[in-house]
Amino acid sequence: MKHYVYIMASRPCGAIYVGRTGNLASRVEAHRAGASVHTAKYKIRTLVWFECHEDFAASLQRERAIKRWPRAWKNALIAERNPNWQDVTAHIPF
């Protein structure tokens, strides 16, 4: 089973949310529907970055590491693959 680590944002360099899930498309829809208090409060609706992992342990380790990073590192991680902070939902593999 695939596991995803992802970052959602309210706008470029705005509020962000770092998470992990086994079903990325479903989780993104849940965030957009307001299922998460943090993402609803800060209007975080755009999937700006994600990566796939083969196992749960690897995704958990990566998520925890990214959450501890300074904000500038997270912004750089997003900008490296998505310099305009565009929605990448269409790129989720099914």
PDB file of N, CA and C in Angstrom:
ATOM      1  N   MET A   1       0.835  -1.188   0.000  1.00  0.00           N
ATOM      2  CA  MET A   1       0.000   0.000   0.000  1.00  0.00           C
ATOM      3  C   MET A   1       0.877   1.248   0.000  1.00  0.00           C
ATOM      4  N   LYS A   2       0.523   2.218  -0.785  1.00  0.00           N
ATOM      5  CA  LYS A   2       1.257   3.476  -0.868  1.00  0.00           C
ATOM      6  C   LYS A   2       0.867   4.385   0.296  1.00  0.00           C
ATOM      7  N   HIS A   3       1.816   5.176   0.738  1.00  0.00           N
ATOM      8  CA  HIS A   3       1.592   6.179   1.772  1.00  0.00           C
ATOM      9  C   HIS A   3       2.143   7.496   1.257  1.00  0.00           C
ATOM     10  N   TYR A   4       1.441   8.573   1.538  1.00  0.00           N
ATOM     11  CA  TYR A   4       1.810   9.881   1.023  1.00  0.00           C
ATOM     12  C   TYR A   4       2.082  10.852   2.160  1.00  0.00           C
ATOM     13  N   VAL A   5       3.108  11.667   1.969  1.00  0.00           N
ATOM     14  CA  VAL A   5       3.366  12.825   2.818  1.00  0.00           C
ATOM     15  C   VAL A   5       3.032  14.012   1.927  1.00  0.00           C
ATOM     16  N   TYR A   6       2.291  14.977   2.463  1.00  0.00           N
ATOM     17  CA  TYR A   6       1.819  16.067   1.622  1.00  0.00           C
ATOM     18  C   TYR A   6       1.832  17.389   2.367  1.00  0.00           C
ATOM     19  N   ILE A   7       1.800  18.470   1.582  1.00  0.00           N
ATOM     20  CA  ILE A   7       1.690  19.818   2.132  1.00  0.00           C
ATOM     21  C   ILE A   7       0.581  20.527   1.385  1.00  0.00           C
ATOM     22  N   MET A   8      -0.313  21.124   2.160  1.00  0.00           N
ATOM     23  CA  MET A   8      -1.379  21.951   1.604  1.00  0.00           C
ATOM     24  C   MET A   8      -1.139  23.378   2.068  1.00  0.00           C
ATOM     25  N   ALA A   9      -1.583  24.351   1.271  1.00  0.00           N
ATOM     26  CA  ALA A   9      -1.350  25.758   1.590  1.00  0.00           C
ATOM     27  C   ALA A   9      -2.585  26.600   1.305  1.00  0.00           C
ATOM     28  N   SER A  10      -2.649  27.743   1.980  1.00  0.00           N
ATOM     29  CA  SER A  10      -3.744  28.687   1.754  1.00  0.00           C
ATOM     30  C   SER A  10      -3.449  29.579   0.548  1.00  0.00           C
ATOM     31  N   ARG A  11      -2.174  29.872   0.342  1.00  0.00           N
ATOM     32  CA  ARG A  11      -1.706  30.716  -0.757  1.00  0.00           C
ATOM     33  C   ARG A  11      -0.187  30.608  -0.785  1.00  0.00           C
ATOM     34  N   PRO A  12       0.494  31.129  -1.797  1.00  0.00           N
ATOM     35  CA  PRO A  12       1.959  31.060  -1.801  1.00  0.00           C
ATOM     36  C   PRO A  12       2.554  31.692  -0.545  1.00  0.00           C
ATOM     37  N   CYS A  13       3.376  30.931   0.136  1.00  0.00           N
ATOM     38  CA  CYS A  13       4.040  31.347   1.382  1.00  0.00           C
ATOM     39  C   CYS A  13       3.049  31.702   2.491  1.00  0.00           C
ATOM     40  N   GLY A  14       1.821  31.201   2.385  1.00  0.00           N
ATOM     41  CA  GLY A  14       0.807  31.444   3.415  1.00  0.00           C
ATOM     42  C   GLY A  14       0.789  30.324   4.438  1.00  0.00           C
ATOM     43  N   ALA A  15      -0.353  30.136   5.055  1.00  0.00           N
ATOM     44  CA  ALA A  15      -0.519  29.075   6.046  1.00  0.00           C
ATOM     45  C   ALA A  15      -0.385  27.719   5.363  1.00  0.00           C
ATOM     46  N   ILE A  16       0.255  26.762   6.047  1.00  0.00           N
ATOM     47  CA  ILE A  16       0.430  25.429   5.466  1.00  0.00           C
ATOM     48  C   ILE A  16       0.007  24.352   6.462  1.00  0.00           C
ATOM     49  N   TYR A  17      -0.180  23.163   5.916  1.00  0.00           N
ATOM     50  CA  TYR A  17      -0.489  21.976   6.709  1.00  0.00           C
ATOM     51  C   TYR A  17       0.339  20.836   6.156  1.00  0.00           C
ATOM     52  N   VAL A  18       1.070  20.139   7.014  1.00  0.00           N
ATOM     53  CA  VAL A  18       1.855  18.969   6.624  1.00  0.00           C
ATOM     54  C   VAL A  18       1.143  17.743   7.167  1.00  0.00           C
ATOM     55  N   GLY A  19       0.888  16.766   6.305  1.00  0.00           N
ATOM     56  CA  GLY A  19       0.189  15.568   6.748  1.00  0.00           C
ATOM     57  C   GLY A  19       0.676  14.319   6.052  1.00  0.00           C
ATOM     58  N   ARG A  20       0.047  13.202   6.421  1.00  0.00           N
ATOM     59  CA  ARG A  20       0.396  11.888   5.872  1.00  0.00           C
ATOM     60  C   ARG A  20      -0.888  11.086   5.770  1.00  0.00           C
ATOM     61  N   THR A  21      -1.007  10.296   4.697  1.00  0.00           N
ATOM     62  CA  THR A  21      -2.221   9.511   4.482  1.00  0.00           C
ATOM     63  C   THR A  21      -1.963   8.351   3.538  1.00  0.00           C
ATOM     64  N   GLY A  22      -2.862   7.397   3.535  1.00  0.00           N
ATOM     65  CA  GLY A  22      -2.810   6.286   2.590  1.00  0.00           C
ATOM     66  C   GLY A  22      -3.665   6.542   1.365  1.00  0.00           C
ATOM     67  N   ASN A  23      -4.578   7.517   1.444  1.00  0.00           N
ATOM     68  CA  ASN A  23      -5.457   7.850   0.325  1.00  0.00           C
ATOM     69  C   ASN A  23      -5.434   9.365   0.149  1.00  0.00           C
ATOM     70  N   LEU A  24      -4.524   9.842  -0.662  1.00  0.00           N
ATOM     71  CA  LEU A  24      -4.283  11.276  -0.789  1.00  0.00           C
ATOM     72  C   LEU A  24      -5.481  12.020  -1.377  1.00  0.00           C
ATOM     73  N   ALA A  25      -6.085  11.510  -2.421  1.00  0.00           N
ATOM     74  CA  ALA A  25      -7.218  12.201  -3.048  1.00  0.00           C
ATOM     75  C   ALA A  25      -8.356  12.394  -2.046  1.00  0.00           C
ATOM     76  N   SER A  26      -8.661  11.362  -1.300  1.00  0.00           N
ATOM     77  CA  SER A  26      -9.723  11.438  -0.308  1.00  0.00           C
ATOM     78  C   SER A  26      -9.380  12.423   0.805  1.00  0.00           C
ATOM     79  N   ARG A  27      -8.148  12.422   1.231  1.00  0.00           N
ATOM     80  CA  ARG A  27      -7.723  13.314   2.312  1.00  0.00           C
ATOM     81  C   ARG A  27      -7.761  14.773   1.878  1.00  0.00           C
ATOM     82  N   VAL A  28      -7.364  15.052   0.644  1.00  0.00           N
ATOM     83  CA  VAL A  28      -7.421  16.416   0.123  1.00  0.00           C
ATOM     84  C   VAL A  28      -8.872  16.891   0.108  1.00  0.00           C
ATOM     85  N   GLU A  29      -9.774  16.045  -0.348  1.00  0.00           N
ATOM     86  CA  GLU A  29     -11.200  16.406  -0.367  1.00  0.00           C
ATOM     87  C   GLU A  29     -11.722  16.659   1.039  1.00  0.00           C
ATOM     88  N   ALA A  30     -11.277  15.868   2.008  1.00  0.00           N
ATOM     89  CA  ALA A  30     -11.689  16.075   3.397  1.00  0.00           C
ATOM     90  C   ALA A  30     -11.218  17.440   3.911  1.00  0.00           C
ATOM     91  N   HIS A  31      -9.984  17.811   3.585  1.00  0.00           N
ATOM     92  CA  HIS A  31      -9.483  19.131   3.983  1.00  0.00           C
ATOM     93  C   HIS A  31     -10.319  20.227   3.345  1.00  0.00           C
ATOM     94  N   ARG A  32     -10.626  20.087   2.092  1.00  0.00           N
ATOM     95  CA  ARG A  32     -11.395  21.114   1.380  1.00  0.00           C
ATOM     96  C   ARG A  32     -12.823  21.216   1.899  1.00  0.00           C
ATOM     97  N   ALA A  33     -13.337  20.124   2.446  1.00  0.00           N
ATOM     98  CA  ALA A  33     -14.692  20.111   3.003  1.00  0.00           C
ATOM     99  C   ALA A  33     -14.725  20.647   4.432  1.00  0.00           C
ATOM    100  N   GLY A  34     -13.558  20.951   5.007  1.00  0.00           N
ATOM    101  CA  GLY A  34     -13.505  21.504   6.349  1.00  0.00           C
ATOM    102  C   GLY A  34     -13.429  20.481   7.459  1.00  0.00           C
ATOM    103  N   ALA A  35     -13.044  19.244   7.144  1.00  0.00           N
ATOM    104  CA  ALA A  35     -12.969  18.176   8.149  1.00  0.00           C
ATOM    105  C   ALA A  35     -11.859  18.393   9.167  1.00  0.00           C
ATOM    106  N   SER A  36     -10.849  19.157   8.834  1.00  0.00           N
ATOM    107  CA  SER A  36      -9.739  19.453   9.744  1.00  0.00           C
ATOM    108  C   SER A  36      -9.911  20.877  10.274  1.00  0.00           C
ATOM    109  N   VAL A  37      -9.846  21.036  11.571  1.00  0.00           N
ATOM    110  CA  VAL A  37     -10.026  22.351  12.192  1.00  0.00           C
ATOM    111  C   VAL A  37      -8.972  23.340  11.695  1.00  0.00           C
ATOM    112  N   HIS A  38      -7.706  22.926  11.671  1.00  0.00           N
ATOM    113  CA  HIS A  38      -6.619  23.821  11.256  1.00  0.00           C
ATOM    114  C   HIS A  38      -6.801  24.283   9.813  1.00  0.00           C
ATOM    115  N   THR A  39      -7.058  23.352   8.912  1.00  0.00           N
ATOM    116  CA  THR A  39      -7.179  23.734   7.498  1.00  0.00           C
ATOM    117  C   THR A  39      -8.436  24.565   7.255  1.00  0.00           C
ATOM    118  N   ALA A  40      -9.500  24.311   7.996  1.00  0.00           N
ATOM    119  CA  ALA A  40     -10.715  25.114   7.849  1.00  0.00           C
ATOM    120  C   ALA A  40     -10.485  26.537   8.373  1.00  0.00           C
ATOM    121  N   LYS A  41      -9.858  26.642   9.533  1.00  0.00           N
ATOM    122  CA  LYS A  41      -9.623  27.947  10.162  1.00  0.00           C
ATOM    123  C   LYS A  41      -8.780  28.863   9.284  1.00  0.00           C
ATOM    124  N   TYR A  42      -7.745  28.306   8.675  1.00  0.00           N
ATOM    125  CA  TYR A  42      -6.820  29.109   7.874  1.00  0.00           C
ATOM    126  C   TYR A  42      -7.072  29.022   6.367  1.00  0.00           C
ATOM    127  N   LYS A  43      -8.196  28.435   5.982  1.00  0.00           N
ATOM    128  CA  LYS A  43      -8.593  28.321   4.566  1.00  0.00           C
ATOM    129  C   LYS A  43      -7.508  27.661   3.709  1.00  0.00           C
ATOM    130  N   ILE A  44      -6.963  26.570   4.233  1.00  0.00           N
ATOM    131  CA  ILE A  44      -5.926  25.811   3.539  1.00  0.00           C
ATOM    132  C   ILE A  44      -6.618  24.798   2.641  1.00  0.00           C
ATOM    133  N   ARG A  45      -6.566  25.027   1.325  1.00  0.00           N
ATOM    134  CA  ARG A  45      -7.312  24.198   0.386  1.00  0.00           C
ATOM    135  C   ARG A  45      -6.500  23.702  -0.817  1.00  0.00           C
ATOM    136  N   THR A  46      -5.274  24.163  -0.966  1.00  0.00           N
ATOM    137  CA  THR A  46      -4.488  23.852  -2.157  1.00  0.00           C
ATOM    138  C   THR A  46      -3.385  22.840  -1.849  1.00  0.00           C
ATOM    139  N   LEU A  47      -3.420  21.712  -2.537  1.00  0.00           N
ATOM    140  CA  LEU A  47      -2.350  20.723  -2.422  1.00  0.00           C
ATOM    141  C   LEU A  47      -1.175  21.238  -3.250  1.00  0.00           C
ATOM    142  N   VAL A  48      -0.060  21.555  -2.588  1.00  0.00           N
ATOM    143  CA  VAL A  48       1.080  22.155  -3.292  1.00  0.00           C
ATOM    144  C   VAL A  48       2.285  21.228  -3.412  1.00  0.00           C
ATOM    145  N   TRP A  49       2.306  20.136  -2.625  1.00  0.00           N
ATOM    146  CA  TRP A  49       3.453  19.228  -2.669  1.00  0.00           C
ATOM    147  C   TRP A  49       3.046  17.885  -2.071  1.00  0.00           C
ATOM    148  N   PHE A  50       3.578  16.801  -2.644  1.00  0.00           N
ATOM    149  CA  PHE A  50       3.412  15.484  -2.036  1.00  0.00           C
ATOM    150  C   PHE A  50       4.494  14.558  -2.536  1.00  0.00           C
ATOM    151  N   GLU A  51       4.725  13.501  -1.766  1.00  0.00           N
ATOM    152  CA  GLU A  51       5.636  12.449  -2.195  1.00  0.00           C
ATOM    153  C   GLU A  51       5.079  11.120  -1.716  1.00  0.00           C
ATOM    154  N   CYS A  52       5.421  10.068  -2.433  1.00  0.00           N
ATOM    155  CA  CYS A  52       4.907   8.730  -2.167  1.00  0.00           C
ATOM    156  C   CYS A  52       5.978   7.882  -1.480  1.00  0.00           C
ATOM    157  N   HIS A  53       5.536   7.063  -0.535  1.00  0.00           N
ATOM    158  CA  HIS A  53       6.420   6.134   0.170  1.00  0.00           C
ATOM    159  C   HIS A  53       5.808   4.742   0.101  1.00  0.00           C
ATOM    160  N   GLU A  54       6.662   3.746   0.108  1.00  0.00           N
ATOM    161  CA  GLU A  54       6.192   2.364  -0.001  1.00  0.00           C
ATOM    162  C   GLU A  54       5.669   1.788   1.310  1.00  0.00           C
ATOM    163  N   ASP A  55       6.078   2.359   2.434  1.00  0.00           N
ATOM    164  CA  ASP A  55       5.612   1.795   3.701  1.00  0.00           C
ATOM    165  C   ASP A  55       5.270   2.887   4.708  1.00  0.00           C
ATOM    166  N   PHE A  56       4.488   2.489   5.688  1.00  0.00           N
ATOM    167  CA  PHE A  56       4.002   3.389   6.717  1.00  0.00           C
ATOM    168  C   PHE A  56       5.145   4.031   7.500  1.00  0.00           C
ATOM    169  N   ALA A  57       6.117   3.245   7.910  1.00  0.00           N
ATOM    170  CA  ALA A  57       7.219   3.751   8.738  1.00  0.00           C
ATOM    171  C   ALA A  57       8.002   4.857   8.034  1.00  0.00           C
ATOM    172  N   ALA A  58       8.261   4.673   6.761  1.00  0.00           N
ATOM    173  CA  ALA A  58       9.004   5.688   6.006  1.00  0.00           C
ATOM    174  C   ALA A  58       8.212   6.990   5.898  1.00  0.00           C
ATOM    175  N   SER A  59       6.911   6.871   5.656  1.00  0.00           N
ATOM    176  CA  SER A  59       6.088   8.081   5.543  1.00  0.00           C
ATOM    177  C   SER A  59       5.972   8.790   6.886  1.00  0.00           C
ATOM    178  N   LEU A  60       5.849   8.033   7.962  1.00  0.00           N
ATOM    179  CA  LEU A  60       5.758   8.624   9.299  1.00  0.00           C
ATOM    180  C   LEU A  60       7.048   9.364   9.648  1.00  0.00           C
ATOM    181  N   GLN A  61       8.181   8.756   9.367  1.00  0.00           N
ATOM    182  CA  GLN A  61       9.474   9.381   9.645  1.00  0.00           C
ATOM    183  C   GLN A  61       9.640  10.670   8.847  1.00  0.00           C
ATOM    184  N   ARG A  62       9.274  10.633   7.576  1.00  0.00           N
ATOM    185  CA  ARG A  62       9.406  11.818   6.722  1.00  0.00           C
ATOM    186  C   ARG A  62       8.473  12.940   7.178  1.00  0.00           C
ATOM    187  N   GLU A  63       7.234  12.603   7.505  1.00  0.00           N
ATOM    188  CA  GLU A  63       6.280  13.620   7.965  1.00  0.00           C
ATOM    189  C   GLU A  63       6.800  14.295   9.235  1.00  0.00           C
ATOM    190  N   ARG A  64       7.247  13.508  10.185  1.00  0.00           N
ATOM    191  CA  ARG A  64       7.745  14.066  11.443  1.00  0.00           C
ATOM    192  C   ARG A  64       8.965  14.947  11.228  1.00  0.00           C
ATOM    193  N   ALA A  65       9.832  14.543  10.313  1.00  0.00           N
ATOM    194  CA  ALA A  65      11.020  15.350  10.013  1.00  0.00           C
ATOM    195  C   ALA A  65      10.615  16.696   9.418  1.00  0.00           C
ATOM    196  N   ILE A  66       9.732  16.677   8.431  1.00  0.00           N
ATOM    197  CA  ILE A  66       9.311  17.922   7.772  1.00  0.00           C
ATOM    198  C   ILE A  66       8.610  18.843   8.767  1.00  0.00           C
ATOM    199  N   LYS A  67       7.799  18.294   9.643  1.00  0.00           N
ATOM    200  CA  LYS A  67       7.099  19.123  10.627  1.00  0.00           C
ATOM    201  C   LYS A  67       8.075  19.848  11.556  1.00  0.00           C
ATOM    202  N   ARG A  68       9.244  19.282  11.785  1.00  0.00           N
ATOM    203  CA  ARG A  68      10.250  19.918  12.651  1.00  0.00           C
ATOM    204  C   ARG A  68      11.109  20.953  11.917  1.00  0.00           C
ATOM    205  N   TRP A  69      11.045  20.963  10.604  1.00  0.00           N
ATOM    206  CA  TRP A  69      11.859  21.888   9.817  1.00  0.00           C
ATOM    207  C   TRP A  69      11.425  23.335  10.054  1.00  0.00           C
ATOM    208  N   PRO A  70      12.369  24.275   9.883  1.00  0.00           N
ATOM    209  CA  PRO A  70      11.989  25.698   9.874  1.00  0.00           C
ATOM    210  C   PRO A  70      11.078  25.976   8.669  1.00  0.00           C
ATOM    211  N   ARG A  71      10.282  26.992   8.802  1.00  0.00           N
ATOM    212  CA  ARG A  71       9.327  27.333   7.744  1.00  0.00           C
ATOM    213  C   ARG A  71      10.029  27.600   6.408  1.00  0.00           C
ATOM    214  N   ALA A  72      11.167  28.234   6.424  1.00  0.00           N
ATOM    215  CA  ALA A  72      11.896  28.537   5.180  1.00  0.00           C
ATOM    216  C   ALA A  72      12.257  27.255   4.427  1.00  0.00           C
ATOM    217  N   TRP A  73      12.594  26.185   5.135  1.00  0.00           N
ATOM    218  CA  TRP A  73      12.926  24.915   4.491  1.00  0.00           C
ATOM    219  C   TRP A  73      11.686  24.320   3.832  1.00  0.00           C
ATOM    220  N   LYS A  74      10.545  24.409   4.500  1.00  0.00           N
ATOM    221  CA  LYS A  74       9.301  23.884   3.926  1.00  0.00           C
ATOM    222  C   LYS A  74       8.941  24.657   2.663  1.00  0.00           C
ATOM    223  N   ASN A  75       9.065  25.980   2.719  1.00  0.00           N
ATOM    224  CA  ASN A  75       8.789  26.801   1.536  1.00  0.00           C
ATOM    225  C   ASN A  75       9.725  26.426   0.386  1.00  0.00           C
ATOM    226  N   ALA A  76      10.984  26.184   0.686  1.00  0.00           N
ATOM    227  CA  ALA A  76      11.965  25.807  -0.342  1.00  0.00           C
ATOM    228  C   ALA A  76      11.636  24.430  -0.923  1.00  0.00           C
ATOM    229  N   LEU A  77      11.179  23.500  -0.079  1.00  0.00           N
ATOM    230  CA  LEU A  77      10.794  22.168  -0.553  1.00  0.00           C
ATOM    231  C   LEU A  77       9.656  22.280  -1.565  1.00  0.00           C
ATOM    232  N   ILE A  78       8.680  23.095  -1.257  1.00  0.00           N
ATOM    233  CA  ILE A  78       7.546  23.300  -2.167  1.00  0.00           C
ATOM    234  C   ILE A  78       8.026  23.977  -3.450  1.00  0.00           C
ATOM    235  N   ALA A  79       8.766  25.066  -3.313  1.00  0.00           N
ATOM    236  CA  ALA A  79       9.202  25.856  -4.472  1.00  0.00           C
ATOM    237  C   ALA A  79      10.126  25.079  -5.402  1.00  0.00           C
ATOM    238  N   GLU A  80      10.842  24.093  -4.874  1.00  0.00           N
ATOM    239  CA  GLU A  80      11.749  23.294  -5.711  1.00  0.00           C
ATOM    240  C   GLU A  80      10.983  22.582  -6.826  1.00  0.00           C
ATOM    241  N   ARG A  81       9.834  22.024  -6.524  1.00  0.00           N
ATOM    242  CA  ARG A  81       9.035  21.300  -7.520  1.00  0.00           C
ATOM    243  C   ARG A  81       7.849  22.101  -8.026  1.00  0.00           C
ATOM    244  N   ASN A  82       7.431  23.093  -7.280  1.00  0.00           N
ATOM    245  CA  ASN A  82       6.221  23.827  -7.611  1.00  0.00           C
ATOM    246  C   ASN A  82       6.447  25.315  -7.322  1.00  0.00           C
ATOM    247  N   PRO A  83       7.257  25.987  -8.130  1.00  0.00           N
ATOM    248  CA  PRO A  83       7.642  27.367  -7.829  1.00  0.00           C
ATOM    249  C   PRO A  83       6.484  28.356  -7.759  1.00  0.00           C
ATOM    250  N   ASN A  84       5.374  28.061  -8.432  1.00  0.00           N
ATOM    251  CA  ASN A  84       4.222  28.966  -8.417  1.00  0.00           C
ATOM    252  C   ASN A  84       3.144  28.544  -7.433  1.00  0.00           C
ATOM    253  N   TRP A  85       3.425  27.500  -6.646  1.00  0.00           N
ATOM    254  CA  TRP A  85       2.506  26.999  -5.622  1.00  0.00           C
ATOM    255  C   TRP A  85       1.134  26.676  -6.234  1.00  0.00           C
ATOM    256  N   GLN A  86       1.147  26.070  -7.415  1.00  0.00           N
ATOM    257  CA  GLN A  86      -0.095  25.671  -8.082  1.00  0.00           C
ATOM    258  C   GLN A  86      -0.658  24.396  -7.456  1.00  0.00           C
ATOM    259  N   ASP A  87      -1.946  24.190  -7.612  1.00  0.00           N
ATOM    260  CA  ASP A  87      -2.593  22.971  -7.111  1.00  0.00           C
ATOM    261  C   ASP A  87      -2.090  21.769  -7.929  1.00  0.00           C
ATOM    262  N   VAL A  88      -1.603  20.738  -7.239  1.00  0.00           N
ATOM    263  CA  VAL A  88      -1.068  19.550  -7.909  1.00  0.00           C
ATOM    264  C   VAL A  88      -1.971  18.329  -7.723  1.00  0.00           C
ATOM    265  N   THR A  89      -3.214  18.558  -7.376  1.00  0.00           N
ATOM    266  CA  THR A  89      -4.158  17.465  -7.165  1.00  0.00           C
ATOM    267  C   THR A  89      -4.263  16.563  -8.404  1.00  0.00           C
ATOM    268  N   ALA A  90      -4.210  17.158  -9.577  1.00  0.00           N
ATOM    269  CA  ALA A  90      -4.325  16.387 -10.823  1.00  0.00           C
ATOM    270  C   ALA A  90      -3.160  15.417 -11.017  1.00  0.00           C
ATOM    271  N   HIS A  91      -2.074  15.590 -10.281  1.00  0.00           N
ATOM    272  CA  HIS A  91      -0.892  14.737 -10.419  1.00  0.00           C
ATOM    273  C   HIS A  91      -0.864  13.553  -9.443  1.00  0.00           C
ATOM    274  N   ILE A  92      -1.913  13.421  -8.646  1.00  0.00           N
ATOM    275  CA  ILE A  92      -1.976  12.300  -7.690  1.00  0.00           C
ATOM    276  C   ILE A  92      -2.119  11.015  -8.491  1.00  0.00           C
ATOM    277  N   PRO A  93      -1.230  10.037  -8.281  1.00  0.00           N
ATOM    278  CA  PRO A  93      -1.355   8.763  -8.997  1.00  0.00           C
ATOM    279  C   PRO A  93      -2.516   7.929  -8.449  1.00  0.00           C
ATOM    280  N   PHE A  94      -3.228   7.268  -9.356  1.00  0.00           N
ATOM    281  CA  PHE A  94      -4.369   6.436  -8.929  1.00  0.00           C
ATOM    282  C   PHE A  94      -4.134   4.985  -9.228  1.00  0.00           C
TER     283      PHE A  94
END
